[in-house]
Amino acid sequence: MLKHLLDYNEGEEFDLTLLVKNSQLRQDKKGKHYLLLQLADKSGAVRANYWQAEPEDAKRFETGTIVEVAGLLEDYQGRDQIKIFSIHPVSASENVDVSQLVAGAPEGEKQMRREIGQFVAEIKEENWHKLVKYLLKKWDARFFSYPAGKSNHHAYEGGLAYHTLTMLKDARGLADNYPAVNRSLLYAGCILHDMGKVLELSGPVQTKYTAEGNLIGHLVLIDEQLVLAAQALGIDQESEDLLLLRHMVLSHHGKYEYGSPKLPALLEAELLHRIDDLDAAVNAITRELGATKPGDFTLPLSSQDGQRYYRPKKEYQ
């Protein structure tokens, strides 16, 4: 049986082909360079320090590089860390099954398609329904395979669709509790808000930002796609229907400093921002807790202003 990274126990040596999920060139207190790496396969990711690094190694082991690693798992502050014996990039001529290097969403694609389709059916406003269906069809393959991010949250194959689905489930509860919420607009916003990432990111394997992603960003990219879709569908460019949906996607980061060109000015836009922020936070915290031993704290989470989270010793009911 093929063993993956997280199948190994502490102190157990391994020799595996892994993916560099994240790579940062740093300096220790003595001014010597080292690489802080996150190495991964389909079972998950583990932190590692490459102490013998030279500045040029930042390019050799950049994010997205496939590497051959010999090492062992050891405990560091209550979580697994890789002690590297040797590491080198895998050449393009070597046959690597990249499907073994990429983690997948907790739910299968078929199930996510079915559930998201049910939410689409509940969008009663005709133009919003048409726009959502049009863009889902246009970007179908990418939407259900791409991650929702490069490294921060839902950074795995199918992560974009899974993030969308969990947000829709949260949105359903809010719409049930608050009659003032326009369910159709909120659902449409949830489905479309991050769809620009199919253009911002390169894909689920060796994920990088595209030129469009770096220069424009997913909020503006999906706004552009909405305008083009409206043109293709014959929807009036001046209609309030289109205006409201464009506002939803353009304001969903919630604050100017978070990259939103506009602040939420609709009840549904405010809820979309908060649902998005909540789901991203829960995903990031849960991921770190899963890599932390009971009775210990996570490492500081940059996405949560450096906060550390405690994993209780007991599995409570």
C-alpha atoms as a PDB file:
ATOM      1  CA  MET A   1       0.000   0.000   0.000  1.00  0.00           C
ATOM      2  CA  LEU A   2       1.324   3.424  -0.982  1.00  0.00           C
ATOM      3  CA  LYS A   3       2.190   5.483   2.088  1.00  0.00           C
ATOM      4  CA  HIS A   4       1.688   9.223   2.096  1.00  0.00           C
ATOM      5  CA  LEU A   5       3.311  11.874   4.249  1.00  0.00           C
ATOM      6  CA  LEU A   6       0.815  11.865   7.115  1.00  0.00           C
ATOM      7  CA  ASP A   7       0.801   8.059   7.233  1.00  0.00           C
ATOM      8  CA  TYR A   8       4.236   8.178   8.882  1.00  0.00           C
ATOM      9  CA  ASN A   9       4.697   8.350  12.645  1.00  0.00           C
ATOM     10  CA  GLU A  10       7.072  10.588  14.587  1.00  0.00           C
ATOM     11  CA  GLY A  11      10.642   9.393  14.265  1.00  0.00           C
ATOM     12  CA  GLU A  12       9.861   7.318  11.184  1.00  0.00           C
ATOM     13  CA  GLU A  13      12.082   8.010   8.190  1.00  0.00           C
ATOM     14  CA  PHE A  14      10.716   8.428   4.683  1.00  0.00           C
ATOM     15  CA  ASP A  15      11.754   9.145   1.110  1.00  0.00           C
ATOM     16  CA  LEU A  16       8.853  10.782  -0.734  1.00  0.00           C
ATOM     17  CA  THR A  17       7.966  12.932  -3.696  1.00  0.00           C
ATOM     18  CA  LEU A  18       6.267  16.043  -2.304  1.00  0.00           C
ATOM     19  CA  LEU A  19       4.938  19.385  -3.465  1.00  0.00           C
ATOM     20  CA  VAL A  20       6.270  22.686  -2.117  1.00  0.00           C
ATOM     21  CA  LYS A  21       3.024  24.363  -1.019  1.00  0.00           C
ATOM     22  CA  ASN A  22       4.788  27.411   0.381  1.00  0.00           C
ATOM     23  CA  SER A  23       8.378  28.630   0.445  1.00  0.00           C
ATOM     24  CA  GLN A  24       9.865  31.618   2.272  1.00  0.00           C
ATOM     25  CA  LEU A  25      13.527  32.634   2.396  1.00  0.00           C
ATOM     26  CA  ARG A  26      14.398  33.793   5.910  1.00  0.00           C
ATOM     27  CA  GLN A  27      17.408  34.588   8.081  1.00  0.00           C
ATOM     28  CA  ASP A  28      18.179  33.220  11.528  1.00  0.00           C
ATOM     29  CA  LYS A  29      19.547  35.286  14.423  1.00  0.00           C
ATOM     30  CA  LYS A  30      23.078  34.860  13.095  1.00  0.00           C
ATOM     31  CA  GLY A  31      22.112  36.155   9.670  1.00  0.00           C
ATOM     32  CA  LYS A  32      22.278  32.773   7.951  1.00  0.00           C
ATOM     33  CA  HIS A  33      19.682  32.000   5.317  1.00  0.00           C
ATOM     34  CA  TYR A  34      17.180  29.176   5.575  1.00  0.00           C
ATOM     35  CA  LEU A  35      13.966  28.218   3.813  1.00  0.00           C
ATOM     36  CA  LEU A  36      10.709  27.861   5.710  1.00  0.00           C
ATOM     37  CA  LEU A  37       8.829  25.298   3.652  1.00  0.00           C
ATOM     38  CA  GLN A  38       5.423  23.702   3.657  1.00  0.00           C
ATOM     39  CA  LEU A  39       5.693  20.299   1.988  1.00  0.00           C
ATOM     40  CA  ALA A  40       2.613  18.352   0.988  1.00  0.00           C
ATOM     41  CA  ASP A  41       0.998  15.447  -0.759  1.00  0.00           C
ATOM     42  CA  LYS A  42      -2.646  14.390  -0.963  1.00  0.00           C
ATOM     43  CA  SER A  43      -2.664  13.448   2.749  1.00  0.00           C
ATOM     44  CA  GLY A  44      -1.841  16.979   3.894  1.00  0.00           C
ATOM     45  CA  ALA A  45       0.980  19.447   4.489  1.00  0.00           C
ATOM     46  CA  VAL A  46       3.783  19.628   7.058  1.00  0.00           C
ATOM     47  CA  ARG A  47       6.191  22.436   7.870  1.00  0.00           C
ATOM     48  CA  ALA A  48       9.944  22.017   7.329  1.00  0.00           C
ATOM     49  CA  ASN A  49      13.091  24.125   7.668  1.00  0.00           C
ATOM     50  CA  TYR A  50      15.861  23.776   5.105  1.00  0.00           C
ATOM     51  CA  TRP A  51      18.813  25.094   7.071  1.00  0.00           C
ATOM     52  CA  GLN A  52      21.516  24.701   4.430  1.00  0.00           C
ATOM     53  CA  ALA A  53      19.808  27.109   2.061  1.00  0.00           C
ATOM     54  CA  GLU A  54      21.547  29.692  -0.064  1.00  0.00           C
ATOM     55  CA  PRO A  55      19.696  32.687  -1.542  1.00  0.00           C
ATOM     56  CA  GLU A  56      19.545  30.965  -4.949  1.00  0.00           C
ATOM     57  CA  ASP A  57      17.686  28.047  -3.336  1.00  0.00           C
ATOM     58  CA  ALA A  58      14.633  30.288  -3.029  1.00  0.00           C
ATOM     59  CA  LYS A  59      14.233  29.862  -6.793  1.00  0.00           C
ATOM     60  CA  ARG A  60      15.081  26.138  -6.812  1.00  0.00           C
ATOM     61  CA  PHE A  61      12.465  25.401  -4.166  1.00  0.00           C
ATOM     62  CA  GLU A  62       9.856  28.026  -4.976  1.00  0.00           C
ATOM     63  CA  THR A  63       6.184  27.416  -4.309  1.00  0.00           C
ATOM     64  CA  GLY A  64       4.821  24.830  -6.734  1.00  0.00           C
ATOM     65  CA  THR A  65       8.079  22.897  -7.142  1.00  0.00           C
ATOM     66  CA  ILE A  66       7.897  19.103  -6.983  1.00  0.00           C
ATOM     67  CA  VAL A  67      10.725  17.729  -4.836  1.00  0.00           C
ATOM     68  CA  GLU A  68      12.201  14.453  -3.654  1.00  0.00           C
ATOM     69  CA  VAL A  69      12.648  14.567   0.121  1.00  0.00           C
ATOM     70  CA  ALA A  70      14.385  12.200   2.510  1.00  0.00           C
ATOM     71  CA  GLY A  71      13.705  12.927   6.158  1.00  0.00           C
ATOM     72  CA  LEU A  72      11.633  12.078   9.190  1.00  0.00           C
ATOM     73  CA  LEU A  73       8.710  13.486  11.122  1.00  0.00           C
ATOM     74  CA  GLU A  74       9.474  15.064  14.481  1.00  0.00           C
ATOM     75  CA  ASP A  75       7.526  17.015  17.077  1.00  0.00           C
ATOM     76  CA  TYR A  76       7.897  20.792  17.195  1.00  0.00           C
ATOM     77  CA  GLN A  77       5.791  22.756  19.670  1.00  0.00           C
ATOM     78  CA  GLY A  78       3.027  20.180  19.613  1.00  0.00           C
ATOM     79  CA  ARG A  79       2.830  19.601  15.881  1.00  0.00           C
ATOM     80  CA  ASP A  80       4.591  17.616  13.201  1.00  0.00           C
ATOM     81  CA  GLN A  81       7.621  19.027  11.460  1.00  0.00           C
ATOM     82  CA  ILE A  82       9.887  17.474   8.849  1.00  0.00           C
ATOM     83  CA  LYS A  83      13.572  17.093   9.587  1.00  0.00           C
ATOM     84  CA  ILE A  84      15.162  17.185   6.146  1.00  0.00           C
ATOM     85  CA  PHE A  85      18.082  14.881   5.370  1.00  0.00           C
ATOM     86  CA  SER A  86      18.135  15.728   1.671  1.00  0.00           C
ATOM     87  CA  ILE A  87      15.945  17.568  -0.807  1.00  0.00           C
ATOM     88  CA  HIS A  88      16.195  18.135  -4.541  1.00  0.00           C
ATOM     89  CA  PRO A  89      13.810  19.223  -7.310  1.00  0.00           C
ATOM     90  CA  VAL A  90      12.291  16.497  -9.447  1.00  0.00           C
ATOM     91  CA  SER A  91      13.253  16.878 -13.103  1.00  0.00           C
ATOM     92  CA  ALA A  92      10.609  17.313 -15.769  1.00  0.00           C
ATOM     93  CA  SER A  93      11.647  13.994 -17.333  1.00  0.00           C
ATOM     94  CA  GLU A  94      10.599  12.014 -14.258  1.00  0.00           C
ATOM     95  CA  ASN A  95       7.092  10.606 -14.351  1.00  0.00           C
ATOM     96  CA  VAL A  96       5.271  11.988 -11.321  1.00  0.00           C
ATOM     97  CA  ASP A  97       1.630  11.239 -10.586  1.00  0.00           C
ATOM     98  CA  VAL A  98       0.592  14.743  -9.542  1.00  0.00           C
ATOM     99  CA  SER A  99      -2.783  13.453  -8.344  1.00  0.00           C
ATOM    100  CA  GLN A 100      -0.888  11.981  -5.376  1.00  0.00           C
ATOM    101  CA  LEU A 101       0.411  15.429  -4.413  1.00  0.00           C
ATOM    102  CA  VAL A 102      -2.822  17.421  -4.191  1.00  0.00           C
ATOM    103  CA  ALA A 103      -5.358  17.176  -1.374  1.00  0.00           C
ATOM    104  CA  GLY A 104      -9.038  17.215  -2.270  1.00  0.00           C
ATOM    105  CA  ALA A 105     -12.217  18.721  -0.843  1.00  0.00           C
ATOM    106  CA  PRO A 106     -14.051  16.915   1.976  1.00  0.00           C
ATOM    107  CA  GLU A 107     -16.988  16.327  -0.374  1.00  0.00           C
ATOM    108  CA  GLY A 108     -16.801  14.714  -3.801  1.00  0.00           C
ATOM    109  CA  GLU A 109     -17.379  16.688  -6.981  1.00  0.00           C
ATOM    110  CA  LYS A 110     -20.603  14.857  -7.850  1.00  0.00           C
ATOM    111  CA  GLN A 111     -22.141  15.662  -4.463  1.00  0.00           C
ATOM    112  CA  MET A 112     -21.056  19.315  -4.596  1.00  0.00           C
ATOM    113  CA  ARG A 113     -22.519  19.690  -8.080  1.00  0.00           C
ATOM    114  CA  ARG A 114     -25.833  18.289  -6.907  1.00  0.00           C
ATOM    115  CA  GLU A 115     -26.043  20.498  -3.813  1.00  0.00           C
ATOM    116  CA  ILE A 116     -24.961  23.710  -5.537  1.00  0.00           C
ATOM    117  CA  GLY A 117     -27.477  22.969  -8.291  1.00  0.00           C
ATOM    118  CA  GLN A 118     -30.225  22.850  -5.675  1.00  0.00           C
ATOM    119  CA  PHE A 119     -29.271  26.322  -4.462  1.00  0.00           C
ATOM    120  CA  VAL A 120     -29.210  27.638  -8.041  1.00  0.00           C
ATOM    121  CA  ALA A 121     -32.775  26.382  -8.463  1.00  0.00           C
ATOM    122  CA  GLU A 122     -33.808  28.534  -5.484  1.00  0.00           C
ATOM    123  CA  ILE A 123     -32.653  31.764  -7.169  1.00  0.00           C
ATOM    124  CA  LYS A 124     -36.061  33.062  -8.218  1.00  0.00           C
ATOM    125  CA  GLU A 125     -35.111  36.412  -9.767  1.00  0.00           C
ATOM    126  CA  GLU A 126     -34.925  35.616 -13.500  1.00  0.00           C
ATOM    127  CA  ASN A 127     -31.873  37.676 -14.460  1.00  0.00           C
ATOM    128  CA  TRP A 128     -29.811  36.564 -11.469  1.00  0.00           C
ATOM    129  CA  HIS A 129     -30.737  32.955 -12.192  1.00  0.00           C
ATOM    130  CA  LYS A 130     -29.708  33.334 -15.845  1.00  0.00           C
ATOM    131  CA  LEU A 131     -26.393  34.993 -14.991  1.00  0.00           C
ATOM    132  CA  VAL A 132     -25.450  32.389 -12.383  1.00  0.00           C
ATOM    133  CA  LYS A 133     -26.316  29.467 -14.670  1.00  0.00           C
ATOM    134  CA  TYR A 134     -24.465  31.043 -17.599  1.00  0.00           C
ATOM    135  CA  LEU A 135     -21.245  31.625 -15.657  1.00  0.00           C
ATOM    136  CA  LEU A 136     -21.353  28.251 -13.905  1.00  0.00           C
ATOM    137  CA  LYS A 137     -21.649  26.585 -17.305  1.00  0.00           C
ATOM    138  CA  LYS A 138     -18.894  28.743 -18.810  1.00  0.00           C
ATOM    139  CA  TRP A 139     -16.376  27.974 -16.065  1.00  0.00           C
ATOM    140  CA  ASP A 140     -17.732  24.559 -15.046  1.00  0.00           C
ATOM    141  CA  ALA A 141     -14.521  22.495 -15.152  1.00  0.00           C
ATOM    142  CA  ARG A 142     -12.406  25.105 -13.401  1.00  0.00           C
ATOM    143  CA  PHE A 143     -15.038  26.009 -10.815  1.00  0.00           C
ATOM    144  CA  PHE A 144     -15.316  22.435  -9.546  1.00  0.00           C
ATOM    145  CA  SER A 145     -11.581  21.671  -9.588  1.00  0.00           C
ATOM    146  CA  TYR A 146      -9.782  24.895  -8.613  1.00  0.00           C
ATOM    147  CA  PRO A 147      -8.739  25.794  -5.065  1.00  0.00           C
ATOM    148  CA  ALA A 148     -10.197  28.873  -3.383  1.00  0.00           C
ATOM    149  CA  GLY A 149      -6.721  30.168  -2.596  1.00  0.00           C
ATOM    150  CA  LYS A 150      -3.038  29.587  -3.085  1.00  0.00           C
ATOM    151  CA  SER A 151      -2.283  28.822   0.561  1.00  0.00           C
ATOM    152  CA  ASN A 152      -4.570  30.582   3.065  1.00  0.00           C
ATOM    153  CA  HIS A 153      -7.939  28.814   2.974  1.00  0.00           C
ATOM    154  CA  HIS A 154      -9.536  25.994   0.973  1.00  0.00           C
ATOM    155  CA  ALA A 155      -6.203  25.637  -0.837  1.00  0.00           C
ATOM    156  CA  TYR A 156      -6.888  22.216  -2.315  1.00  0.00           C
ATOM    157  CA  GLU A 157      -8.482  20.671  -5.380  1.00  0.00           C
ATOM    158  CA  GLY A 158     -12.201  21.455  -5.366  1.00  0.00           C
ATOM    159  CA  GLY A 159     -11.700  24.059  -2.645  1.00  0.00           C
ATOM    160  CA  LEU A 160     -13.477  26.803  -4.580  1.00  0.00           C
ATOM    161  CA  ALA A 161     -16.659  24.765  -4.987  1.00  0.00           C
ATOM    162  CA  TYR A 162     -16.503  23.514  -1.391  1.00  0.00           C
ATOM    163  CA  HIS A 163     -16.021  27.055  -0.036  1.00  0.00           C
ATOM    164  CA  THR A 164     -18.984  28.167  -2.139  1.00  0.00           C
ATOM    165  CA  LEU A 165     -21.156  25.311  -0.906  1.00  0.00           C
ATOM    166  CA  THR A 166     -20.412  25.848   2.793  1.00  0.00           C
ATOM    167  CA  MET A 167     -21.143  29.548   2.362  1.00  0.00           C
ATOM    168  CA  LEU A 168     -24.465  28.731   0.705  1.00  0.00           C
ATOM    169  CA  LYS A 169     -25.410  26.539   3.658  1.00  0.00           C
ATOM    170  CA  ASP A 170     -24.584  29.386   6.049  1.00  0.00           C
ATOM    171  CA  ALA A 171     -26.558  31.777   3.850  1.00  0.00           C
ATOM    172  CA  ARG A 172     -29.588  29.492   3.967  1.00  0.00           C
ATOM    173  CA  GLY A 173     -29.633  29.617   7.759  1.00  0.00           C
ATOM    174  CA  LEU A 174     -29.391  33.404   7.782  1.00  0.00           C
ATOM    175  CA  ALA A 175     -32.130  33.779   5.183  1.00  0.00           C
ATOM    176  CA  ASP A 176     -34.338  31.455   7.245  1.00  0.00           C
ATOM    177  CA  ASN A 177     -33.763  33.555  10.373  1.00  0.00           C
ATOM    178  CA  TYR A 178     -34.043  37.018   8.838  1.00  0.00           C
ATOM    179  CA  PRO A 179     -37.064  37.583   6.551  1.00  0.00           C
ATOM    180  CA  ALA A 180     -35.616  40.889   5.297  1.00  0.00           C
ATOM    181  CA  VAL A 181     -32.840  39.034   3.458  1.00  0.00           C
ATOM    182  CA  ASN A 182     -33.331  38.537  -0.268  1.00  0.00           C
ATOM    183  CA  ARG A 183     -32.457  34.859  -0.551  1.00  0.00           C
ATOM    184  CA  SER A 184     -31.994  34.945  -4.326  1.00  0.00           C
ATOM    185  CA  LEU A 185     -29.496  37.805  -4.204  1.00  0.00           C
ATOM    186  CA  LEU A 186     -27.549  36.287  -1.326  1.00  0.00           C
ATOM    187  CA  TYR A 187     -27.337  32.874  -2.994  1.00  0.00           C
ATOM    188  CA  ALA A 188     -26.269  34.422  -6.296  1.00  0.00           C
ATOM    189  CA  GLY A 189     -23.596  36.440  -4.496  1.00  0.00           C
ATOM    190  CA  CYS A 190     -22.259  33.358  -2.715  1.00  0.00           C
ATOM    191  CA  ILE A 191     -21.944  31.416  -5.960  1.00  0.00           C
ATOM    192  CA  LEU A 192     -20.318  34.226  -7.927  1.00  0.00           C
ATOM    193  CA  HIS A 193     -18.202  36.033  -5.320  1.00  0.00           C
ATOM    194  CA  ASP A 194     -14.990  34.022  -5.803  1.00  0.00           C
ATOM    195  CA  MET A 195     -15.589  32.729  -9.318  1.00  0.00           C
ATOM    196  CA  GLY A 196     -12.962  35.165 -10.579  1.00  0.00           C
ATOM    197  CA  LYS A 197     -10.390  32.847  -9.015  1.00  0.00           C
ATOM    198  CA  VAL A 198     -10.743  30.570 -12.038  1.00  0.00           C
ATOM    199  CA  LEU A 199      -8.877  33.376 -13.825  1.00  0.00           C
ATOM    200  CA  GLU A 200      -6.803  34.630 -10.892  1.00  0.00           C
ATOM    201  CA  LEU A 201      -5.205  31.244 -10.136  1.00  0.00           C
ATOM    202  CA  SER A 202      -3.408  28.774 -12.387  1.00  0.00           C
ATOM    203  CA  GLY A 203      -5.159  25.603 -11.201  1.00  0.00           C
ATOM    204  CA  PRO A 204      -5.206  22.988  -8.433  1.00  0.00           C
ATOM    205  CA  VAL A 205      -1.658  21.694  -8.996  1.00  0.00           C
ATOM    206  CA  GLN A 206       1.369  23.944  -8.445  1.00  0.00           C
ATOM    207  CA  THR A 207      -1.041  26.831  -7.885  1.00  0.00           C
ATOM    208  CA  LYS A 208       0.266  30.265  -8.783  1.00  0.00           C
ATOM    209  CA  TYR A 209      -1.233  33.659  -9.470  1.00  0.00           C
ATOM    210  CA  THR A 210      -1.740  34.362 -13.153  1.00  0.00           C
ATOM    211  CA  ALA A 211      -0.805  37.671 -14.749  1.00  0.00           C
ATOM    212  CA  GLU A 212      -4.504  38.618 -14.590  1.00  0.00           C
ATOM    213  CA  GLY A 213      -4.601  37.616 -10.944  1.00  0.00           C
ATOM    214  CA  ASN A 214      -1.611  39.757 -10.041  1.00  0.00           C
ATOM    215  CA  LEU A 215      -2.592  42.764 -12.129  1.00  0.00           C
ATOM    216  CA  ILE A 216      -6.387  42.801 -11.786  1.00  0.00           C
ATOM    217  CA  GLY A 217      -7.589  40.410  -9.059  1.00  0.00           C
ATOM    218  CA  HIS A 218     -10.600  38.158  -8.748  1.00  0.00           C
ATOM    219  CA  LEU A 219     -13.114  40.793  -7.619  1.00  0.00           C
ATOM    220  CA  VAL A 220     -12.687  42.857 -10.764  1.00  0.00           C
ATOM    221  CA  LEU A 221     -12.321  39.769 -12.955  1.00  0.00           C
ATOM    222  CA  ILE A 222     -15.714  38.355 -11.946  1.00  0.00           C
ATOM    223  CA  ASP A 223     -17.300  41.799 -12.304  1.00  0.00           C
ATOM    224  CA  GLU A 224     -16.028  41.860 -15.883  1.00  0.00           C
ATOM    225  CA  GLN A 225     -17.392  38.357 -16.451  1.00  0.00           C
ATOM    226  CA  LEU A 226     -20.790  39.477 -15.159  1.00  0.00           C
ATOM    227  CA  VAL A 227     -20.901  42.371 -17.616  1.00  0.00           C
ATOM    228  CA  LEU A 228     -19.907  40.102 -20.507  1.00  0.00           C
ATOM    229  CA  ALA A 229     -22.501  37.518 -19.456  1.00  0.00           C
ATOM    230  CA  ALA A 230     -25.207  40.185 -19.326  1.00  0.00           C
ATOM    231  CA  GLN A 231     -24.276  41.270 -22.846  1.00  0.00           C
ATOM    232  CA  ALA A 232     -24.433  37.681 -24.098  1.00  0.00           C
ATOM    233  CA  LEU A 233     -27.812  37.134 -22.439  1.00  0.00           C
ATOM    234  CA  GLY A 234     -29.306  40.417 -23.626  1.00  0.00           C
ATOM    235  CA  ILE A 235     -29.707  41.790 -20.106  1.00  0.00           C
ATOM    236  CA  ASP A 236     -29.879  45.580 -19.928  1.00  0.00           C
ATOM    237  CA  GLN A 237     -26.494  46.936 -18.815  1.00  0.00           C
ATOM    238  CA  GLU A 238     -28.267  49.722 -16.948  1.00  0.00           C
ATOM    239  CA  SER A 239     -30.656  47.425 -15.084  1.00  0.00           C
ATOM    240  CA  GLU A 240     -30.725  47.404 -11.303  1.00  0.00           C
ATOM    241  CA  ASP A 241     -30.595  43.596 -11.425  1.00  0.00           C
ATOM    242  CA  LEU A 242     -27.075  43.693 -12.843  1.00  0.00           C
ATOM    243  CA  LEU A 243     -26.043  46.650 -10.694  1.00  0.00           C
ATOM    244  CA  LEU A 244     -26.922  44.867  -7.448  1.00  0.00           C
ATOM    245  CA  LEU A 245     -25.125  41.670  -8.406  1.00  0.00           C
ATOM    246  CA  ARG A 246     -22.021  43.599  -9.460  1.00  0.00           C
ATOM    247  CA  HIS A 247     -22.052  45.376  -6.101  1.00  0.00           C
ATOM    248  CA  MET A 248     -22.234  42.023  -4.311  1.00  0.00           C
ATOM    249  CA  VAL A 249     -19.044  40.700  -5.884  1.00  0.00           C
ATOM    250  CA  LEU A 250     -17.126  43.983  -5.800  1.00  0.00           C
ATOM    251  CA  SER A 251     -17.793  44.639  -2.109  1.00  0.00           C
ATOM    252  CA  HIS A 252     -17.441  41.142  -0.665  1.00  0.00           C
ATOM    253  CA  HIS A 253     -14.017  41.716   0.914  1.00  0.00           C
ATOM    254  CA  GLY A 254     -15.751  44.206   3.153  1.00  0.00           C
ATOM    255  CA  LYS A 255     -13.039  46.817   3.633  1.00  0.00           C
ATOM    256  CA  TYR A 256     -10.860  48.955   1.401  1.00  0.00           C
ATOM    257  CA  GLU A 257      -7.725  47.623   3.087  1.00  0.00           C
ATOM    258  CA  TYR A 258      -8.829  44.079   2.220  1.00  0.00           C
ATOM    259  CA  GLY A 259      -9.037  44.929  -1.472  1.00  0.00           C
ATOM    260  CA  SER A 260     -12.699  45.860  -1.880  1.00  0.00           C
ATOM    261  CA  PRO A 261     -13.179  48.763  -4.308  1.00  0.00           C
ATOM    262  CA  LYS A 262     -16.509  49.442  -2.570  1.00  0.00           C
ATOM    263  CA  LEU A 263     -17.853  48.824   0.925  1.00  0.00           C
ATOM    264  CA  PRO A 264     -21.018  46.713   1.328  1.00  0.00           C
ATOM    265  CA  ALA A 265     -24.067  48.938   0.887  1.00  0.00           C
ATOM    266  CA  LEU A 266     -26.736  46.240   0.752  1.00  0.00           C
ATOM    267  CA  LEU A 267     -27.897  44.008   3.588  1.00  0.00           C
ATOM    268  CA  GLU A 268     -27.106  40.985   1.425  1.00  0.00           C
ATOM    269  CA  ALA A 269     -23.657  42.366   0.559  1.00  0.00           C
ATOM    270  CA  GLU A 270     -22.859  42.823   4.249  1.00  0.00           C
ATOM    271  CA  LEU A 271     -23.955  39.262   4.954  1.00  0.00           C
ATOM    272  CA  LEU A 272     -21.943  37.940   2.010  1.00  0.00           C
ATOM    273  CA  HIS A 273     -18.790  39.580   3.359  1.00  0.00           C
ATOM    274  CA  ARG A 274     -19.347  38.190   6.845  1.00  0.00           C
ATOM    275  CA  ILE A 275     -20.174  34.676   5.617  1.00  0.00           C
ATOM    276  CA  ASP A 276     -17.079  34.671   3.411  1.00  0.00           C
ATOM    277  CA  ASP A 277     -14.870  35.852   6.259  1.00  0.00           C
ATOM    278  CA  LEU A 278     -16.392  33.329   8.665  1.00  0.00           C
ATOM    279  CA  ASP A 279     -15.985  30.351   6.353  1.00  0.00           C
ATOM    280  CA  ALA A 280     -12.392  31.251   5.485  1.00  0.00           C
ATOM    281  CA  ALA A 281     -11.531  31.654   9.176  1.00  0.00           C
ATOM    282  CA  VAL A 282     -13.151  28.371  10.217  1.00  0.00           C
ATOM    283  CA  ASN A 283     -11.345  26.529   7.427  1.00  0.00           C
ATOM    284  CA  ALA A 284      -7.947  28.000   8.308  1.00  0.00           C
ATOM    285  CA  ILE A 285      -8.346  27.429  12.059  1.00  0.00           C
ATOM    286  CA  THR A 286      -9.663  23.890  11.601  1.00  0.00           C
ATOM    287  CA  ARG A 287      -6.743  23.027   9.334  1.00  0.00           C
ATOM    288  CA  GLU A 288      -4.223  24.224  11.918  1.00  0.00           C
ATOM    289  CA  LEU A 289      -6.003  22.485  14.795  1.00  0.00           C
ATOM    290  CA  GLY A 290      -5.885  19.266  12.788  1.00  0.00           C
ATOM    291  CA  ALA A 291      -2.098  19.551  12.658  1.00  0.00           C
ATOM    292  CA  THR A 292      -1.843  20.299  16.392  1.00  0.00           C
ATOM    293  CA  LYS A 293      -1.641  17.703  19.140  1.00  0.00           C
ATOM    294  CA  PRO A 294      -4.325  17.657  21.875  1.00  0.00           C
ATOM    295  CA  GLY A 295      -3.363  19.922  24.766  1.00  0.00           C
ATOM    296  CA  ASP A 296      -1.286  22.256  22.591  1.00  0.00           C
ATOM    297  CA  PHE A 297      -1.800  25.525  20.747  1.00  0.00           C
ATOM    298  CA  THR A 298      -1.559  26.055  17.016  1.00  0.00           C
ATOM    299  CA  LEU A 299       1.180  28.155  15.552  1.00  0.00           C
ATOM    300  CA  PRO A 300       0.169  31.814  15.095  1.00  0.00           C
ATOM    301  CA  LEU A 301      -2.230  32.205  12.177  1.00  0.00           C
ATOM    302  CA  SER A 302      -1.358  35.183  10.010  1.00  0.00           C
ATOM    303  CA  SER A 303      -4.915  35.243   8.643  1.00  0.00           C
ATOM    304  CA  GLN A 304      -6.195  35.710  12.207  1.00  0.00           C
ATOM    305  CA  ASP A 305      -3.801  38.495  13.226  1.00  0.00           C
ATOM    306  CA  GLY A 306      -1.321  36.034  14.701  1.00  0.00           C
ATOM    307  CA  GLN A 307      -3.791  34.408  17.097  1.00  0.00           C
ATOM    308  CA  ARG A 308      -3.016  30.892  18.366  1.00  0.00           C
ATOM    309  CA  TYR A 309      -5.820  28.405  19.024  1.00  0.00           C
ATOM    310  CA  TYR A 310      -5.989  25.670  21.649  1.00  0.00           C
ATOM    311  CA  ARG A 311      -6.893  22.073  20.877  1.00  0.00           C
ATOM    312  CA  PRO A 312      -8.509  20.531  23.983  1.00  0.00           C
ATOM    313  CA  LYS A 313      -7.039  17.323  25.383  1.00  0.00           C
ATOM    314  CA  LYS A 314     -10.446  15.666  25.447  1.00  0.00           C
ATOM    315  CA  GLU A 315     -12.803  15.072  22.532  1.00  0.00           C
ATOM    316  CA  TYR A 316     -15.933  16.669  23.982  1.00  0.00           C
ATOM    317  CA  GLN A 317     -19.456  15.631  23.002  1.00  0.00           C
END
